Amino acid sequence: MPAFDYSNPVKFHFGLGRHKQVGDIARPYGKKALLVASDSSKPTGQLQAVQQSLTEAGVAFAVYDRFMQNPLSTLVAEGAQVAVDEGCDLVIGLGGGSAMDMAKGIAFSAVNEGSIWDYVFGRKVGTRALPIILIPTTAGTGSEANRTAVFTNPETNDKKGLVNPLIYPKAAIIDPELMLTLPKRVIAGPGADVLFHALESFISKNATPFSEMLSLRAIELIAQNLPLVYDDVTNVAAWENVTLASSLAGMAIDCAGTTLPHALQHPMGGLLDVVHAEGIAAIYKPFMEYTWPAAPEKFAAIAKAMGVDTRGMSQEQAAESSVAAVHQFLTGINMVPTLTQLGVKEEHFDWLINNVLTTMKVVLSNNPRVPDGEKIREIYQGCL
């Protein structure tokens, strides 16, 4: 067994209705919160419920709700200035991955000088961040469980993550009640991302025995339960398992990182604003076909976790069967787009490939089999 370290300081609050306790949970961390909330939280009453809980607990708040599906670093800077101007000493993120990443970036930028890109690229380290509490309203990114927040630079179109222990949330409130009115597309995309995070962290070169345990359990839970909530959004028991899978996968990538699909998608998100999970889904089948021969034992375990009866199969047969299992899973939730459907064209390839090889080389090198530029082009080409 290789030597490894593990630490996750997030305090998790799981359970139905727990978002209504945010005031009591937040009170020890600050007197005034900047509430970073997605637009979707307003018509559902989620934002109002959080505001009421904060008011009852004596925690003042201001609201910041300007962001995009691929959060811009310029909006992080704007939100950080709002936090400073409003005298906020705490940041609460309510929404999907974009809202949670924005909350992390704002909490960090409010108390560290200069551009957040100085910290993303390691030119500066940072000294602290405002306390962060995250309340996911979709089950997918796992941002509530880790030290990563991903942003797009509108000047360069680079999309890259700030990975810093200062942005671990102090608390995460995981409440399936917040998921019970989601439309199918918002169930499918983030839900597929859970599988992507779990699978990629499992095959990662940086995987550890601890992260592998988290990854495999997340794969099992999402494979069994996401189709259930996709068919019936009111299935509370299945949602409990889906939300747990999301956080487990978030913890797993915190340990082991992601691999080739994330390296290929981030440039698409930065240049073309491609939805994260849809961009990854478009390249998943060729990624698996390319990668499984380099780690057949890992992909055989993935097949079993996906529900494939691998008895009587050789390791290679079981590994190869994982490709069909994942493709069938994504087909069942209508997550098999082409890159053409997502707005990617062959004329974009040169820029995308260069961006992969320069800004995403750490993630790229984490894959069990590392492609060169021509292979990356071949993968993109085959997904149009």
Protein backbone atom coordinates (compact mmCIF):
# COMPACT_ATOMS: atom_id res chain seq x y z
CA MET A 1 0.00 0.00 0.00
CA PRO A 2 1.44 3.42 -0.91
CA ALA A 3 1.84 6.09 1.74
CA PHE A 4 -0.90 8.70 1.61
CA ASP A 5 -2.45 11.55 3.56
CA TYR A 6 -6.12 12.34 4.07
CA SER A 7 -7.85 15.31 5.66
CA ASN A 8 -11.28 16.84 5.18
CA PRO A 9 -12.29 19.50 7.72
CA VAL A 10 -15.83 20.07 6.40
CA LYS A 11 -18.63 19.46 8.89
CA PHE A 12 -21.50 17.82 7.01
CA HIS A 13 -25.14 18.25 8.00
CA PHE A 14 -27.18 15.61 6.12
CA GLY A 15 -30.96 15.25 6.17
CA LEU A 16 -34.37 16.41 5.05
CA GLY A 17 -35.17 19.98 6.02
CA ARG A 18 -31.68 20.77 7.28
CA HIS A 19 -31.40 23.93 5.12
CA LYS A 20 -33.90 25.55 7.49
CA GLN A 21 -31.29 25.26 10.26
CA VAL A 22 -28.70 27.35 8.42
CA GLY A 23 -29.08 30.24 10.85
CA ASP A 24 -28.06 28.17 13.86
CA ILE A 25 -25.27 26.52 11.87
CA ALA A 26 -23.97 29.89 10.60
CA ARG A 27 -24.16 31.86 13.83
CA PRO A 28 -20.82 30.64 15.30
CA TYR A 29 -18.98 31.73 12.13
CA GLY A 30 -20.05 35.33 11.64
CA LYS A 31 -22.46 38.17 12.24
CA LYS A 32 -23.24 39.11 8.63
CA ALA A 33 -23.28 36.76 5.65
CA LEU A 34 -22.98 37.42 1.96
CA LEU A 35 -25.59 35.04 0.59
CA VAL A 36 -24.47 33.92 -2.88
CA ALA A 37 -27.67 32.54 -4.36
CA SER A 38 -28.66 31.21 -7.78
CA ASP A 39 -31.72 32.58 -9.55
CA SER A 40 -33.37 29.17 -9.35
CA SER A 41 -33.48 29.37 -5.55
CA LYS A 42 -35.91 32.31 -5.64
CA PRO A 43 -39.11 30.94 -7.23
CA THR A 44 -38.80 27.69 -5.23
CA GLY A 45 -38.78 29.57 -1.93
CA GLN A 46 -35.36 28.18 -0.98
CA LEU A 47 -33.72 31.60 -0.74
CA GLN A 48 -36.56 32.93 1.40
CA ALA A 49 -36.30 29.93 3.75
CA VAL A 50 -32.58 30.50 4.22
CA GLN A 51 -33.09 34.22 4.78
CA GLN A 52 -35.78 33.51 7.37
CA SER A 53 -33.53 31.08 9.22
CA LEU A 54 -30.67 33.59 9.27
CA THR A 55 -32.96 36.35 10.53
CA GLU A 56 -34.34 34.16 13.30
CA ALA A 57 -30.79 33.30 14.38
CA GLY A 58 -29.74 36.95 14.42
CA VAL A 59 -27.39 36.66 11.44
CA ALA A 60 -27.60 39.65 9.09
CA PHE A 61 -27.11 39.16 5.36
CA ALA A 62 -26.69 40.73 1.94
CA VAL A 63 -27.48 38.90 -1.31
CA TYR A 64 -25.25 38.51 -4.38
CA ASP A 65 -26.80 36.69 -7.34
CA ARG A 66 -24.73 37.60 -10.42
CA PHE A 67 -23.01 34.59 -11.97
CA MET A 68 -23.05 32.18 -14.91
CA GLN A 69 -22.94 28.43 -15.48
CA ASN A 70 -19.17 28.77 -15.97
CA PRO A 71 -18.41 31.38 -13.26
CA LEU A 72 -16.33 34.34 -14.39
CA SER A 73 -13.40 35.54 -12.32
CA THR A 74 -14.57 39.12 -12.91
CA LEU A 75 -17.81 38.35 -11.10
CA VAL A 76 -15.85 36.77 -8.26
CA ALA A 77 -13.96 40.05 -7.88
CA GLU A 78 -17.22 42.00 -8.00
CA GLY A 79 -18.80 39.76 -5.36
CA ALA A 80 -15.74 40.07 -3.15
CA GLN A 81 -16.05 43.85 -3.29
CA VAL A 82 -19.72 43.58 -2.31
CA ALA A 83 -18.70 41.44 0.69
CA VAL A 84 -16.16 44.09 1.75
CA ASP A 85 -18.55 47.02 1.20
CA GLU A 86 -21.33 45.26 3.11
CA GLY A 87 -19.05 44.34 6.01
CA CYS A 88 -19.67 40.61 5.61
CA ASP A 89 -17.60 38.22 7.71
CA LEU A 90 -19.13 35.00 6.35
CA VAL A 91 -20.14 33.68 2.91
CA ILE A 92 -23.02 31.27 2.28
CA GLY A 93 -23.44 29.61 -1.12
CA LEU A 94 -26.93 28.42 -2.07
CA GLY A 95 -27.33 26.73 -5.46
CA GLY A 96 -25.55 24.39 -7.81
CA GLY A 97 -21.85 24.12 -8.48
CA SER A 98 -21.59 27.61 -9.95
CA ALA A 99 -23.06 29.27 -6.86
CA MET A 100 -20.89 27.20 -4.53
CA ASP A 101 -17.69 27.89 -6.48
CA MET A 102 -18.57 31.58 -6.59
CA ALA A 103 -19.05 31.57 -2.83
CA LYS A 104 -15.62 30.00 -2.36
CA GLY A 105 -13.94 32.45 -4.72
CA ILE A 106 -15.63 35.46 -3.10
CA ALA A 107 -14.71 34.30 0.41
CA PHE A 108 -11.09 33.95 -0.70
CA SER A 109 -10.83 37.13 -2.79
CA ALA A 110 -12.45 39.33 -0.14
CA VAL A 111 -9.40 38.97 2.12
CA ASN A 112 -6.50 38.36 -0.31
CA GLU A 113 -4.99 41.05 -2.52
CA GLY A 114 -4.70 40.95 -6.29
CA SER A 115 -6.23 38.79 -8.99
CA ILE A 116 -7.52 35.34 -8.13
CA TRP A 117 -5.49 34.07 -11.10
CA ASP A 118 -2.29 34.78 -9.17
CA TYR A 119 -3.46 32.14 -6.70
CA VAL A 120 -4.86 29.72 -9.29
CA PHE A 121 -1.47 29.55 -11.01
CA GLY A 122 0.49 29.44 -7.75
CA ARG A 123 2.23 32.79 -7.98
CA LYS A 124 0.70 33.67 -4.59
CA VAL A 125 -0.49 31.41 -1.78
CA GLY A 126 -3.08 33.38 0.19
CA THR A 127 -3.38 33.81 3.93
CA ARG A 128 -7.02 33.15 4.82
CA ALA A 129 -10.60 33.14 3.58
CA LEU A 130 -13.89 34.21 5.11
CA PRO A 131 -15.76 31.25 6.65
CA ILE A 132 -17.82 29.40 4.03
CA ILE A 133 -21.08 27.48 4.36
CA LEU A 134 -22.43 25.69 1.28
CA ILE A 135 -25.96 24.47 0.59
CA PRO A 136 -26.19 22.54 -2.72
CA THR A 137 -29.54 22.67 -4.51
CA THR A 138 -28.40 20.17 -7.16
CA ALA A 139 -26.56 16.90 -6.63
CA GLY A 140 -23.49 16.84 -8.81
CA THR A 141 -20.35 18.90 -8.40
CA GLY A 142 -19.46 17.87 -4.85
CA SER A 143 -18.01 21.37 -4.35
CA GLU A 144 -19.44 21.36 -0.83
CA ALA A 145 -16.98 18.60 0.07
CA ASN A 146 -13.65 19.89 -1.20
CA ARG A 147 -11.10 22.69 -1.59
CA THR A 148 -11.61 23.40 -5.29
CA ALA A 149 -13.46 26.16 -7.13
CA VAL A 150 -13.37 26.52 -10.93
CA PHE A 151 -13.50 29.85 -12.77
CA THR A 152 -13.26 31.22 -16.31
CA ASN A 153 -11.03 34.14 -17.23
CA PRO A 154 -13.03 36.20 -19.76
CA GLU A 155 -9.82 37.81 -21.09
CA THR A 156 -8.01 34.57 -21.98
CA ASN A 157 -10.93 32.04 -21.94
CA ASP A 158 -8.87 29.85 -19.58
CA LYS A 159 -11.05 27.76 -17.29
CA LYS A 160 -9.12 26.48 -14.30
CA GLY A 161 -9.56 25.63 -10.65
CA LEU A 162 -8.34 27.30 -7.50
CA VAL A 163 -7.24 24.41 -5.30
CA ASN A 164 -6.51 25.73 -1.83
CA PRO A 165 -7.22 24.37 1.68
CA LEU A 166 -8.32 27.86 2.73
CA ILE A 167 -11.58 27.39 0.77
CA TYR A 168 -12.75 24.23 2.46
CA PRO A 169 -16.25 25.04 3.72
CA LYS A 170 -16.68 25.21 7.46
CA ALA A 171 -20.01 23.44 6.99
CA ALA A 172 -22.05 21.83 4.22
CA ILE A 173 -25.80 21.37 4.49
CA ILE A 174 -26.93 18.43 2.34
CA ASP A 175 -30.71 18.49 2.12
CA PRO A 176 -32.55 16.26 -0.40
CA GLU A 177 -35.67 18.39 0.13
CA LEU A 178 -34.03 21.04 -2.08
CA MET A 179 -33.96 18.64 -5.05
CA LEU A 180 -37.62 17.61 -5.21
CA THR A 181 -38.68 20.08 -7.92
CA LEU A 182 -35.68 19.89 -10.26
CA PRO A 183 -36.33 19.52 -14.02
CA LYS A 184 -34.92 16.43 -15.71
CA ARG A 185 -32.01 18.25 -17.35
CA VAL A 186 -30.82 19.57 -13.99
CA ILE A 187 -31.12 16.10 -12.51
CA ALA A 188 -29.25 14.45 -15.37
CA GLY A 189 -26.32 16.84 -15.87
CA PRO A 190 -25.13 17.22 -12.28
CA GLY A 191 -26.01 13.58 -11.59
CA ALA A 192 -23.83 12.44 -14.45
CA ASP A 193 -21.07 14.62 -13.05
CA VAL A 194 -21.19 12.55 -9.86
CA LEU A 195 -20.39 9.46 -11.91
CA PHE A 196 -17.63 11.30 -13.77
CA HIS A 197 -16.00 12.47 -10.56
CA ALA A 198 -16.26 9.06 -8.94
CA LEU A 199 -14.98 7.14 -11.96
CA GLU A 200 -12.11 9.48 -12.72
CA SER A 201 -10.93 9.74 -9.12
CA PHE A 202 -10.98 5.92 -8.96
CA ILE A 203 -8.71 5.47 -11.99
CA SER A 204 -6.52 8.47 -11.13
CA LYS A 205 -2.79 8.01 -10.72
CA ASN A 206 -3.19 9.85 -7.41
CA ALA A 207 -5.86 7.50 -6.06
CA THR A 208 -5.34 6.12 -2.56
CA PRO A 209 -7.06 3.26 -0.73
CA PHE A 210 -9.22 5.85 1.02
CA SER A 211 -10.24 7.69 -2.15
CA GLU A 212 -10.92 4.40 -3.95
CA MET A 213 -13.39 3.46 -1.22
CA LEU A 214 -15.19 6.80 -1.60
CA SER A 215 -15.17 6.54 -5.40
CA LEU A 216 -16.57 3.02 -5.64
CA ARG A 217 -19.35 3.70 -3.15
CA ALA A 218 -20.30 6.85 -5.06
CA ILE A 219 -20.42 4.89 -8.34
CA GLU A 220 -22.68 2.26 -6.79
CA LEU A 221 -25.04 4.84 -5.27
CA ILE A 222 -25.35 6.99 -8.37
CA ALA A 223 -25.78 4.04 -10.75
CA GLN A 224 -28.58 2.62 -8.64
CA ASN A 225 -30.38 5.82 -7.69
CA LEU A 226 -30.00 8.53 -10.33
CA PRO A 227 -32.32 6.73 -12.79
CA LEU A 228 -34.91 6.54 -10.01
CA VAL A 229 -34.99 10.29 -9.35
CA TYR A 230 -34.79 11.00 -13.09
CA ASP A 231 -38.03 9.02 -13.48
CA ASP A 232 -39.62 10.29 -10.26
CA VAL A 233 -38.24 13.56 -8.87
CA THR A 234 -40.23 13.06 -5.64
CA ASN A 235 -38.41 9.83 -4.67
CA VAL A 236 -36.93 11.04 -1.38
CA ALA A 237 -35.12 7.83 -0.48
CA ALA A 238 -33.32 7.79 -3.83
CA TRP A 239 -32.44 11.46 -3.49
CA GLU A 240 -30.82 10.77 -0.13
CA ASN A 241 -28.50 8.30 -1.86
CA VAL A 242 -27.84 10.61 -4.82
CA THR A 243 -26.89 13.54 -2.57
CA LEU A 244 -24.65 11.27 -0.50
CA ALA A 245 -22.99 10.02 -3.69
CA SER A 246 -22.34 13.61 -4.78
CA SER A 247 -20.55 14.49 -1.56
CA LEU A 248 -18.58 11.22 -1.53
CA ALA A 249 -17.43 11.87 -5.09
CA GLY A 250 -16.50 15.43 -4.13
CA MET A 251 -14.38 14.07 -1.32
CA ALA A 252 -12.80 11.55 -3.71
CA ILE A 253 -11.68 14.16 -6.23
CA ASP A 254 -10.34 16.21 -3.33
CA CYS A 255 -7.98 13.28 -2.68
CA ALA A 256 -7.24 12.04 -6.18
CA GLY A 257 -8.32 14.67 -8.70
CA THR A 258 -9.96 14.12 -12.09
CA THR A 259 -8.49 12.88 -15.37
CA LEU A 260 -8.68 13.14 -19.16
CA PRO A 261 -12.36 14.09 -19.63
CA HIS A 262 -12.06 17.11 -17.33
CA ALA A 263 -8.85 18.14 -19.07
CA LEU A 264 -10.65 18.09 -22.42
CA GLN A 265 -13.85 19.77 -21.21
CA HIS A 266 -12.51 22.77 -19.29
CA PRO A 267 -11.20 24.47 -22.44
CA MET A 268 -14.60 23.95 -24.08
CA GLY A 269 -16.27 25.59 -21.10
CA GLY A 270 -13.85 28.51 -21.15
CA LEU A 271 -13.98 29.19 -24.89
CA LEU A 272 -17.56 28.27 -25.75
CA ASP A 273 -19.40 28.26 -22.39
CA VAL A 274 -20.24 24.57 -22.87
CA VAL A 275 -22.18 23.16 -19.92
CA HIS A 276 -19.68 21.20 -17.81
CA ALA A 277 -21.39 17.81 -17.55
CA GLU A 278 -22.66 17.86 -21.13
CA GLY A 279 -19.18 18.54 -22.49
CA ILE A 280 -17.75 15.68 -20.48
CA ALA A 281 -20.58 13.32 -21.43
CA ALA A 282 -19.89 13.95 -25.12
CA ILE A 283 -16.36 12.55 -24.85
CA TYR A 284 -16.86 9.84 -22.25
CA LYS A 285 -17.21 6.77 -24.45
CA PRO A 286 -14.00 7.37 -26.47
CA PHE A 287 -12.18 8.33 -23.26
CA MET A 288 -13.11 5.00 -21.68
CA GLU A 289 -12.27 3.03 -24.83
CA TYR A 290 -8.85 4.72 -24.95
CA THR A 291 -8.07 4.40 -21.24
CA TRP A 292 -9.34 1.03 -19.99
CA PRO A 293 -6.48 -1.06 -21.47
CA ALA A 294 -4.05 0.91 -19.25
CA ALA A 295 -5.94 0.01 -16.04
CA PRO A 296 -8.09 -3.10 -16.66
CA GLU A 297 -8.35 -3.99 -12.98
CA LYS A 298 -9.82 -0.55 -12.20
CA PHE A 299 -12.31 -0.62 -15.06
CA ALA A 300 -13.36 -4.17 -14.13
CA ALA A 301 -14.20 -2.89 -10.65
CA ILE A 302 -16.12 0.01 -12.21
CA ALA A 303 -18.19 -2.43 -14.27
CA LYS A 304 -19.11 -4.36 -11.14
CA ALA A 305 -20.01 -1.15 -9.28
CA MET A 306 -22.22 -0.16 -12.23
CA GLY A 307 -24.17 -3.39 -11.77
CA VAL A 308 -22.59 -5.56 -14.46
CA ASP A 309 -22.55 -9.28 -13.63
CA THR A 310 -18.86 -9.90 -14.25
CA ARG A 311 -18.86 -13.52 -13.10
CA GLY A 312 -17.25 -15.70 -15.74
CA MET A 313 -15.58 -12.76 -17.46
CA SER A 314 -11.85 -12.25 -17.74
CA GLN A 315 -10.50 -9.05 -16.23
CA GLU A 316 -10.19 -7.56 -19.71
CA GLN A 317 -13.73 -8.54 -20.64
CA ALA A 318 -15.09 -7.04 -17.44
CA ALA A 319 -13.07 -3.87 -17.99
CA GLU A 320 -14.34 -3.48 -21.54
CA SER A 321 -17.92 -4.05 -20.36
CA SER A 322 -17.66 -0.91 -18.23
CA VAL A 323 -17.75 1.18 -21.42
CA ALA A 324 -21.16 -0.14 -22.42
CA ALA A 325 -22.45 0.08 -18.85
CA VAL A 326 -21.60 3.76 -18.53
CA HIS A 327 -22.92 4.52 -22.03
CA GLN A 328 -26.19 2.77 -21.21
CA PHE A 329 -26.46 4.73 -17.96
CA LEU A 330 -25.92 8.06 -19.76
CA THR A 331 -28.37 7.09 -22.52
CA GLY A 332 -31.01 6.36 -19.90
CA ILE A 333 -30.82 9.92 -18.59
CA ASN A 334 -30.52 11.51 -22.06
CA MET A 335 -26.90 12.55 -21.57
CA VAL A 336 -25.26 11.50 -24.84
CA PRO A 337 -24.79 14.78 -26.74
CA THR A 338 -22.34 15.28 -29.59
CA LEU A 339 -19.79 18.07 -29.56
CA THR A 340 -21.51 19.52 -32.62
CA GLN A 341 -24.74 19.84 -30.64
CA LEU A 342 -22.78 21.71 -27.96
CA GLY A 343 -21.36 24.23 -30.45
CA VAL A 344 -17.87 22.77 -30.84
CA LYS A 345 -16.48 22.87 -34.38
CA GLU A 346 -13.31 21.56 -35.98
CA GLU A 347 -12.07 25.13 -36.32
CA HIS A 348 -11.86 25.27 -32.51
CA PHE A 349 -9.58 22.26 -32.20
CA ASP A 350 -6.21 23.99 -32.40
CA TRP A 351 -7.08 26.40 -29.60
CA LEU A 352 -8.66 23.68 -27.48
CA ILE A 353 -5.72 21.30 -27.85
CA ASN A 354 -3.18 24.00 -27.01
CA ASN A 355 -5.21 24.95 -23.95
CA VAL A 356 -5.40 21.33 -22.80
CA LEU A 357 -1.65 20.90 -23.13
CA THR A 358 -0.81 24.15 -21.33
CA THR A 359 -3.42 24.93 -18.67
CA MET A 360 -4.70 21.39 -18.01
CA LYS A 361 -1.48 19.37 -18.13
CA VAL A 362 -1.66 18.37 -14.43
CA VAL A 363 -5.14 16.91 -14.90
CA LEU A 364 -4.16 15.37 -18.24
CA SER A 365 -1.13 13.63 -16.72
CA ASN A 366 -3.34 12.12 -14.00
CA ASN A 367 -4.97 9.78 -16.55
CA PRO A 368 -3.65 6.19 -16.60
CA ARG A 369 -2.88 6.67 -20.29
CA VAL A 370 -1.76 10.13 -21.39
CA PRO A 371 -2.57 11.22 -24.96
CA ASP A 372 -0.52 13.57 -27.09
CA GLY A 373 -1.99 16.42 -29.12
CA GLU A 374 -2.84 14.26 -32.11
CA LYS A 375 -4.71 11.74 -29.99
CA ILE A 376 -6.62 14.56 -28.32
CA ARG A 377 -7.58 15.83 -31.77
CA GLU A 378 -8.72 12.32 -32.72
CA ILE A 379 -10.92 12.11 -29.62
CA TYR A 380 -12.48 15.52 -30.29
CA GLN A 381 -12.99 14.64 -33.95
CA GLY A 382 -14.74 11.39 -33.12
CA CYS A 383 -17.22 13.19 -30.86
CA LEU A 384 -18.50 15.80 -33.34
